[in-house]
Amino acid sequence: MYLYSVPTTHIRDYYVTTDLDQFYKNATLAVKAEVTSYMENHQGGFKIKTTLFDRNKKPVKTIYSEKFEFRNDKK
């Protein structure tokens, strides 16, 4: 058994998929993240930053998600 703590708002899980073209030269990279928050009220919105690295660990491309907010469904 182990015990750990996570930030109040955090990425709970994520999924990365690629769709290669017929020549295996180009691909579409898709990243889907499941974000969890234990806060009842949030100030402002959130964005997720994703960076793709090459085999030498050098950044190739960085993208940001659209800004999103959490909705309090408990009301």
PDB file of N, CA and C in Angstrom:
ATOM      1  N   MET A   1       0.841  -1.158   0.000  1.00  0.00           N
ATOM      2  CA  MET A   1       0.000   0.000   0.000  1.00  0.00           C
ATOM      3  C   MET A   1       0.894   1.230   0.000  1.00  0.00           C
ATOM      4  N   TYR A   2       0.449   2.256  -0.699  1.00  0.00           N
ATOM      5  CA  TYR A   2       1.147   3.526  -0.660  1.00  0.00           C
ATOM      6  C   TYR A   2       0.115   4.634  -0.643  1.00  0.00           C
ATOM      7  N   LEU A   3       0.538   5.771  -0.168  1.00  0.00           N
ATOM      8  CA  LEU A   3      -0.336   6.930  -0.040  1.00  0.00           C
ATOM      9  C   LEU A   3       0.309   8.084  -0.779  1.00  0.00           C
ATOM     10  N   TYR A   4      -0.467   8.781  -1.573  1.00  0.00           N
ATOM     11  CA  TYR A   4       0.072   9.931  -2.282  1.00  0.00           C
ATOM     12  C   TYR A   4      -0.980  11.017  -2.342  1.00  0.00           C
ATOM     13  N   SER A   5      -0.521  12.214  -2.626  1.00  0.00           N
ATOM     14  CA  SER A   5      -1.398  13.377  -2.689  1.00  0.00           C
ATOM     15  C   SER A   5      -1.274  14.013  -4.067  1.00  0.00           C
ATOM     16  N   VAL A   6      -2.390  14.512  -4.577  1.00  0.00           N
ATOM     17  CA  VAL A   6      -2.393  15.192  -5.869  1.00  0.00           C
ATOM     18  C   VAL A   6      -2.889  16.614  -5.662  1.00  0.00           C
ATOM     19  N   PRO A   7      -2.550  17.519  -6.577  1.00  0.00           N
ATOM     20  CA  PRO A   7      -3.084  18.880  -6.474  1.00  0.00           C
ATOM     21  C   PRO A   7      -4.613  18.860  -6.559  1.00  0.00           C
ATOM     22  N   THR A   8      -5.233  19.902  -6.075  1.00  0.00           N
ATOM     23  CA  THR A   8      -6.692  19.999  -6.081  1.00  0.00           C
ATOM     24  C   THR A   8      -7.255  19.844  -7.487  1.00  0.00           C
ATOM     25  N   THR A   9      -6.618  20.454  -8.468  1.00  0.00           N
ATOM     26  CA  THR A   9      -6.993  20.304  -9.872  1.00  0.00           C
ATOM     27  C   THR A   9      -5.821  19.631 -10.582  1.00  0.00           C
ATOM     28  N   HIS A  10      -6.086  18.494 -11.237  1.00  0.00           N
ATOM     29  CA  HIS A  10      -4.986  17.740 -11.841  1.00  0.00           C
ATOM     30  C   HIS A  10      -5.481  16.894 -13.015  1.00  0.00           C
ATOM     31  N   ILE A  11      -4.533  16.453 -13.831  1.00  0.00           N
ATOM     32  CA  ILE A  11      -4.844  15.526 -14.923  1.00  0.00           C
ATOM     33  C   ILE A  11      -4.937  14.137 -14.308  1.00  0.00           C
ATOM     34  N   ARG A  12      -6.125  13.579 -14.368  1.00  0.00           N
ATOM     35  CA  ARG A  12      -6.366  12.258 -13.770  1.00  0.00           C
ATOM     36  C   ARG A  12      -5.872  11.142 -14.686  1.00  0.00           C
ATOM     37  N   ASP A  13      -6.077  11.313 -15.983  1.00  0.00           N
ATOM     38  CA  ASP A  13      -5.648  10.316 -16.959  1.00  0.00           C
ATOM     39  C   ASP A  13      -5.513  11.004 -18.314  1.00  0.00           C
ATOM     40  N   TYR A  14      -4.757  10.407 -19.209  1.00  0.00           N
ATOM     41  CA  TYR A  14      -4.646  10.971 -20.553  1.00  0.00           C
ATOM     42  C   TYR A  14      -4.463   9.850 -21.568  1.00  0.00           C
ATOM     43  N   TYR A  15      -4.817  10.159 -22.807  1.00  0.00           N
ATOM     44  CA  TYR A  15      -4.754   9.199 -23.900  1.00  0.00           C
ATOM     45  C   TYR A  15      -4.084   9.877 -25.087  1.00  0.00           C
ATOM     46  N   VAL A  16      -3.128   9.190 -25.698  1.00  0.00           N
ATOM     47  CA  VAL A  16      -2.429   9.712 -26.870  1.00  0.00           C
ATOM     48  C   VAL A  16      -2.619   8.711 -28.004  1.00  0.00           C
ATOM     49  N   THR A  17      -3.101   9.208 -29.143  1.00  0.00           N
ATOM     50  CA  THR A  17      -3.280   8.347 -30.309  1.00  0.00           C
ATOM     51  C   THR A  17      -2.658   9.020 -31.526  1.00  0.00           C
ATOM     52  N   THR A  18      -2.243   8.201 -32.488  1.00  0.00           N
ATOM     53  CA  THR A  18      -1.705   8.721 -33.744  1.00  0.00           C
ATOM     54  C   THR A  18      -2.413   8.044 -34.904  1.00  0.00           C
ATOM     55  N   ASP A  19      -2.547   8.781 -35.975  1.00  0.00           N
ATOM     56  CA  ASP A  19      -3.134   8.255 -37.206  1.00  0.00           C
ATOM     57  C   ASP A  19      -2.126   8.525 -38.318  1.00  0.00           C
ATOM     58  N   LEU A  20      -1.428   7.471 -38.761  1.00  0.00           N
ATOM     59  CA  LEU A  20      -0.392   7.611 -39.787  1.00  0.00           C
ATOM     60  C   LEU A  20      -0.992   7.610 -41.184  1.00  0.00           C
ATOM     61  N   ASP A  21      -0.326   8.327 -42.098  1.00  0.00           N
ATOM     62  CA  ASP A  21      -0.768   8.297 -43.492  1.00  0.00           C
ATOM     63  C   ASP A  21      -0.330   6.969 -44.124  1.00  0.00           C
ATOM     64  N   GLN A  22      -0.719   6.749 -45.367  1.00  0.00           N
ATOM     65  CA  GLN A  22      -0.451   5.461 -46.018  1.00  0.00           C
ATOM     66  C   GLN A  22       1.031   5.188 -46.257  1.00  0.00           C
ATOM     67  N   PHE A  23       1.868   6.249 -46.245  1.00  0.00           N
ATOM     68  CA  PHE A  23       3.308   6.077 -46.461  1.00  0.00           C
ATOM     69  C   PHE A  23       4.105   6.085 -45.153  1.00  0.00           C
ATOM     70  N   TYR A  24       3.416   6.208 -44.037  1.00  0.00           N
ATOM     71  CA  TYR A  24       4.045   6.243 -42.716  1.00  0.00           C
ATOM     72  C   TYR A  24       5.056   7.378 -42.572  1.00  0.00           C
ATOM     73  N   LYS A  25       4.772   8.502 -43.220  1.00  0.00           N
ATOM     74  CA  LYS A  25       5.662   9.669 -43.136  1.00  0.00           C
ATOM     75  C   LYS A  25       5.063  10.765 -42.273  1.00  0.00           C
ATOM     76  N   ASN A  26       3.768  10.921 -42.332  1.00  0.00           N
ATOM     77  CA  ASN A  26       3.084  11.977 -41.589  1.00  0.00           C
ATOM     78  C   ASN A  26       2.009  11.349 -40.707  1.00  0.00           C
ATOM     79  N   ALA A  27       1.759  12.024 -39.600  1.00  0.00           N
ATOM     80  CA  ALA A  27       0.753  11.504 -38.676  1.00  0.00           C
ATOM     81  C   ALA A  27       0.001  12.651 -38.022  1.00  0.00           C
ATOM     82  N   THR A  28      -1.186  12.332 -37.600  1.00  0.00           N
ATOM     83  CA  THR A  28      -1.970  13.250 -36.786  1.00  0.00           C
ATOM     84  C   THR A  28      -1.886  12.748 -35.355  1.00  0.00           C
ATOM     85  N   LEU A  29      -1.499  13.627 -34.456  1.00  0.00           N
ATOM     86  CA  LEU A  29      -1.363  13.281 -33.048  1.00  0.00           C
ATOM     87  C   LEU A  29      -2.545  13.857 -32.290  1.00  0.00           C
ATOM     88  N   ALA A  30      -3.233  13.016 -31.545  1.00  0.00           N
ATOM     89  CA  ALA A  30      -4.373  13.469 -30.744  1.00  0.00           C
ATOM     90  C   ALA A  30      -4.102  13.166 -29.276  1.00  0.00           C
ATOM     91  N   VAL A  31      -4.362  14.147 -28.426  1.00  0.00           N
ATOM     92  CA  VAL A  31      -4.187  13.986 -26.989  1.00  0.00           C
ATOM     93  C   VAL A  31      -5.517  14.315 -26.318  1.00  0.00           C
ATOM     94  N   LYS A  32      -5.991  13.391 -25.505  1.00  0.00           N
ATOM     95  CA  LYS A  32      -7.231  13.598 -24.758  1.00  0.00           C
ATOM     96  C   LYS A  32      -6.895  13.474 -23.279  1.00  0.00           C
ATOM     97  N   ALA A  33      -7.309  14.450 -22.489  1.00  0.00           N
ATOM     98  CA  ALA A  33      -6.995  14.445 -21.061  1.00  0.00           C
ATOM     99  C   ALA A  33      -8.271  14.458 -20.234  1.00  0.00           C
ATOM    100  N   GLU A  34      -8.246  13.711 -19.150  1.00  0.00           N
ATOM    101  CA  GLU A  34      -9.337  13.717 -18.186  1.00  0.00           C
ATOM    102  C   GLU A  34      -8.849  14.517 -16.980  1.00  0.00           C
ATOM    103  N   VAL A  35      -9.458  15.668 -16.765  1.00  0.00           N
ATOM    104  CA  VAL A  35      -9.036  16.574 -15.696  1.00  0.00           C
ATOM    105  C   VAL A  35     -10.039  16.492 -14.553  1.00  0.00           C
ATOM    106  N   THR A  36      -9.528  16.405 -13.339  1.00  0.00           N
ATOM    107  CA  THR A  36     -10.367  16.321 -12.149  1.00  0.00           C
ATOM    108  C   THR A  36     -10.074  17.507 -11.250  1.00  0.00           C
ATOM    109  N   SER A  37     -11.115  17.989 -10.600  1.00  0.00           N
ATOM    110  CA  SER A  37     -10.936  19.073  -9.639  1.00  0.00           C
ATOM    111  C   SER A  37     -11.802  18.804  -8.421  1.00  0.00           C
ATOM    112  N   TYR A  38     -11.241  19.048  -7.249  1.00  0.00           N
ATOM    113  CA  TYR A  38     -11.973  18.874  -6.002  1.00  0.00           C
ATOM    114  C   TYR A  38     -12.416  20.207  -5.420  1.00  0.00           C
ATOM    115  N   MET A  39     -12.197  21.274  -6.162  1.00  0.00           N
ATOM    116  CA  MET A  39     -12.603  22.602  -5.698  1.00  0.00           C
ATOM    117  C   MET A  39     -14.070  22.837  -6.045  1.00  0.00           C
ATOM    118  N   GLU A  40     -14.759  23.590  -5.200  1.00  0.00           N
ATOM    119  CA  GLU A  40     -16.150  23.942  -5.495  1.00  0.00           C
ATOM    120  C   GLU A  40     -16.228  25.189  -6.357  1.00  0.00           C
ATOM    121  N   ASN A  41     -15.334  26.126  -6.144  1.00  0.00           N
ATOM    122  CA  ASN A  41     -15.329  27.375  -6.912  1.00  0.00           C
ATOM    123  C   ASN A  41     -13.955  27.568  -7.531  1.00  0.00           C
ATOM    124  N   HIS A  42     -13.940  27.944  -8.790  1.00  0.00           N
ATOM    125  CA  HIS A  42     -12.687  28.153  -9.510  1.00  0.00           C
ATOM    126  C   HIS A  42     -12.569  29.608  -9.922  1.00  0.00           C
ATOM    127  N   GLN A  43     -11.367  30.098  -9.892  1.00  0.00           N
ATOM    128  CA  GLN A  43     -11.074  31.447 -10.367  1.00  0.00           C
ATOM    129  C   GLN A  43     -10.423  31.324 -11.735  1.00  0.00           C
ATOM    130  N   GLY A  44     -11.102  31.789 -12.763  1.00  0.00           N
ATOM    131  CA  GLY A  44     -10.528  31.753 -14.107  1.00  0.00           C
ATOM    132  C   GLY A  44     -10.648  30.392 -14.753  1.00  0.00           C
ATOM    133  N   GLY A  45      -9.984  30.246 -15.898  1.00  0.00           N
ATOM    134  CA  GLY A  45     -10.041  29.001 -16.651  1.00  0.00           C
ATOM    135  C   GLY A  45      -8.706  28.287 -16.644  1.00  0.00           C
ATOM    136  N   PHE A  46      -8.688  27.154 -17.297  1.00  0.00           N
ATOM    137  CA  PHE A  46      -7.500  26.315 -17.348  1.00  0.00           C
ATOM    138  C   PHE A  46      -7.149  26.011 -18.798  1.00  0.00           C
ATOM    139  N   LYS A  47      -5.875  25.715 -19.048  1.00  0.00           N
ATOM    140  CA  LYS A  47      -5.386  25.242 -20.340  1.00  0.00           C
ATOM    141  C   LYS A  47      -4.430  24.093 -20.075  1.00  0.00           C
ATOM    142  N   ILE A  48      -4.324  23.197 -21.039  1.00  0.00           N
ATOM    143  CA  ILE A  48      -3.366  22.099 -20.948  1.00  0.00           C
ATOM    144  C   ILE A  48      -2.306  22.311 -22.018  1.00  0.00           C
ATOM    145  N   LYS A  49      -1.053  22.214 -21.611  1.00  0.00           N
ATOM    146  CA  LYS A  49       0.078  22.369 -22.526  1.00  0.00           C
ATOM    147  C   LYS A  49       0.604  20.977 -22.878  1.00  0.00           C
ATOM    148  N   THR A  50       0.767  20.716 -24.175  1.00  0.00           N
ATOM    149  CA  THR A  50       1.279  19.434 -24.654  1.00  0.00           C
ATOM    150  C   THR A  50       2.493  19.697 -25.537  1.00  0.00           C
ATOM    151  N   THR A  51       3.586  18.971 -25.290  1.00  0.00           N
ATOM    152  CA  THR A  51       4.802  19.134 -26.083  1.00  0.00           C
ATOM    153  C   THR A  51       5.208  17.794 -26.682  1.00  0.00           C
ATOM    154  N   LEU A  52       5.497  17.799 -27.974  1.00  0.00           N
ATOM    155  CA  LEU A  52       5.988  16.620 -28.683  1.00  0.00           C
ATOM    156  C   LEU A  52       7.505  16.739 -28.792  1.00  0.00           C
ATOM    157  N   PHE A  53       8.218  15.665 -28.426  1.00  0.00           N
ATOM    158  CA  PHE A  53       9.681  15.654 -28.470  1.00  0.00           C
ATOM    159  C   PHE A  53      10.165  14.667 -29.530  1.00  0.00           C
ATOM    160  N   ASP A  54      11.331  14.965 -30.122  1.00  0.00           N
ATOM    161  CA  ASP A  54      11.920  14.025 -31.070  1.00  0.00           C
ATOM    162  C   ASP A  54      12.724  12.969 -30.311  1.00  0.00           C
ATOM    163  N   ARG A  55      13.363  12.074 -31.035  1.00  0.00           N
ATOM    164  CA  ARG A  55      14.098  10.984 -30.380  1.00  0.00           C
ATOM    165  C   ARG A  55      15.293  11.468 -29.569  1.00  0.00           C
ATOM    166  N   ASN A  56      15.760  12.702 -29.831  1.00  0.00           N
ATOM    167  CA  ASN A  56      16.868  13.276 -29.058  1.00  0.00           C
ATOM    168  C   ASN A  56      16.372  14.136 -27.904  1.00  0.00           C
ATOM    169  N   LYS A  57      15.086  14.025 -27.609  1.00  0.00           N
ATOM    170  CA  LYS A  57      14.440  14.751 -26.510  1.00  0.00           C
ATOM    171  C   LYS A  57      14.426  16.257 -26.720  1.00  0.00           C
ATOM    172  N   LYS A  58      14.425  16.673 -27.978  1.00  0.00           N
ATOM    173  CA  LYS A  58      14.310  18.096 -28.303  1.00  0.00           C
ATOM    174  C   LYS A  58      12.866  18.385 -28.687  1.00  0.00           C
ATOM    175  N   PRO A  59      12.311  19.502 -28.199  1.00  0.00           N
ATOM    176  CA  PRO A  59      10.917  19.822 -28.513  1.00  0.00           C
ATOM    177  C   PRO A  59      10.710  20.052 -30.007  1.00  0.00           C
ATOM    178  N   VAL A  60       9.672  19.441 -30.549  1.00  0.00           N
ATOM    179  CA  VAL A  60       9.315  19.601 -31.951  1.00  0.00           C
ATOM    180  C   VAL A  60       8.156  20.581 -32.078  1.00  0.00           C
ATOM    181  N   LYS A  61       7.168  20.422 -31.222  1.00  0.00           N
ATOM    182  CA  LYS A  61       5.964  21.250 -31.296  1.00  0.00           C
ATOM    183  C   LYS A  61       5.309  21.309 -29.920  1.00  0.00           C
ATOM    184  N   THR A  62       4.843  22.492 -29.553  1.00  0.00           N
ATOM    185  CA  THR A  62       4.081  22.681 -28.320  1.00  0.00           C
ATOM    186  C   THR A  62       2.730  23.270 -28.681  1.00  0.00           C
ATOM    187  N   ILE A  63       1.684  22.679 -28.143  1.00  0.00           N
ATOM    188  CA  ILE A  63       0.332  23.196 -28.376  1.00  0.00           C
ATOM    189  C   ILE A  63      -0.378  23.362 -27.036  1.00  0.00           C
ATOM    190  N   TYR A  64      -1.354  24.248 -27.030  1.00  0.00           N
ATOM    191  CA  TYR A  64      -2.159  24.495 -25.837  1.00  0.00           C
ATOM    192  C   TYR A  64      -3.611  24.181 -26.153  1.00  0.00           C
ATOM    193  N   SER A  65      -4.292  23.616 -25.191  1.00  0.00           N
ATOM    194  CA  SER A  65      -5.719  23.361 -25.374  1.00  0.00           C
ATOM    195  C   SER A  65      -6.471  24.684 -25.347  1.00  0.00           C
ATOM    196  N   GLU A  66      -7.717  24.623 -25.741  1.00  0.00           N
ATOM    197  CA  GLU A  66      -8.572  25.788 -25.568  1.00  0.00           C
ATOM    198  C   GLU A  66      -8.801  25.969 -24.073  1.00  0.00           C
ATOM    199  N   LYS A  67      -9.074  27.187 -23.678  1.00  0.00           N
ATOM    200  CA  LYS A  67      -9.343  27.466 -22.275  1.00  0.00           C
ATOM    201  C   LYS A  67     -10.647  26.775 -21.876  1.00  0.00           C
ATOM    202  N   PHE A  68     -10.648  26.142 -20.702  1.00  0.00           N
ATOM    203  CA  PHE A  68     -11.866  25.485 -20.228  1.00  0.00           C
ATOM    204  C   PHE A  68     -12.069  25.795 -18.753  1.00  0.00           C
ATOM    205  N   GLU A  69     -13.295  25.647 -18.317  1.00  0.00           N
ATOM    206  CA  GLU A  69     -13.654  25.886 -16.922  1.00  0.00           C
ATOM    207  C   GLU A  69     -14.415  24.685 -16.397  1.00  0.00           C
ATOM    208  N   PHE A  70     -14.449  24.564 -15.082  1.00  0.00           N
ATOM    209  CA  PHE A  70     -15.217  23.502 -14.452  1.00  0.00           C
ATOM    210  C   PHE A  70     -16.577  24.034 -14.064  1.00  0.00           C
ATOM    211  N   ARG A  71     -17.557  23.186 -14.178  1.00  0.00           N
ATOM    212  CA  ARG A  71     -18.913  23.544 -13.797  1.00  0.00           C
ATOM    213  C   ARG A  71     -19.232  22.821 -12.491  1.00  0.00           C
ATOM    214  N   ASN A  72     -19.839  23.527 -11.559  1.00  0.00           N
ATOM    215  CA  ASN A  72     -20.216  22.926 -10.289  1.00  0.00           C
ATOM    216  C   ASN A  72     -21.616  22.336 -10.435  1.00  0.00           C
ATOM    217  N   ASP A  73     -21.707  21.007 -10.565  1.00  0.00           N
ATOM    218  CA  ASP A  73     -22.994  20.337 -10.752  1.00  0.00           C
ATOM    219  C   ASP A  73     -23.716  20.070  -9.435  1.00  0.00           C
ATOM    220  N   LYS A  74     -23.095  20.419  -8.317  1.00  0.00           N
ATOM    221  CA  LYS A  74     -23.693  20.139  -7.009  1.00  0.00           C
ATOM    222  C   LYS A  74     -24.782  21.128  -6.635  1.00  0.00           C
ATOM    223  N   LYS A  75     -24.885  22.239  -7.351  1.00  0.00           N
ATOM    224  CA  LYS A  75     -25.865  23.271  -7.000  1.00  0.00           C
ATOM    225  C   LYS A  75     -27.261  22.868  -7.402  1.00  0.00           C
TER     226      LYS A  75
END
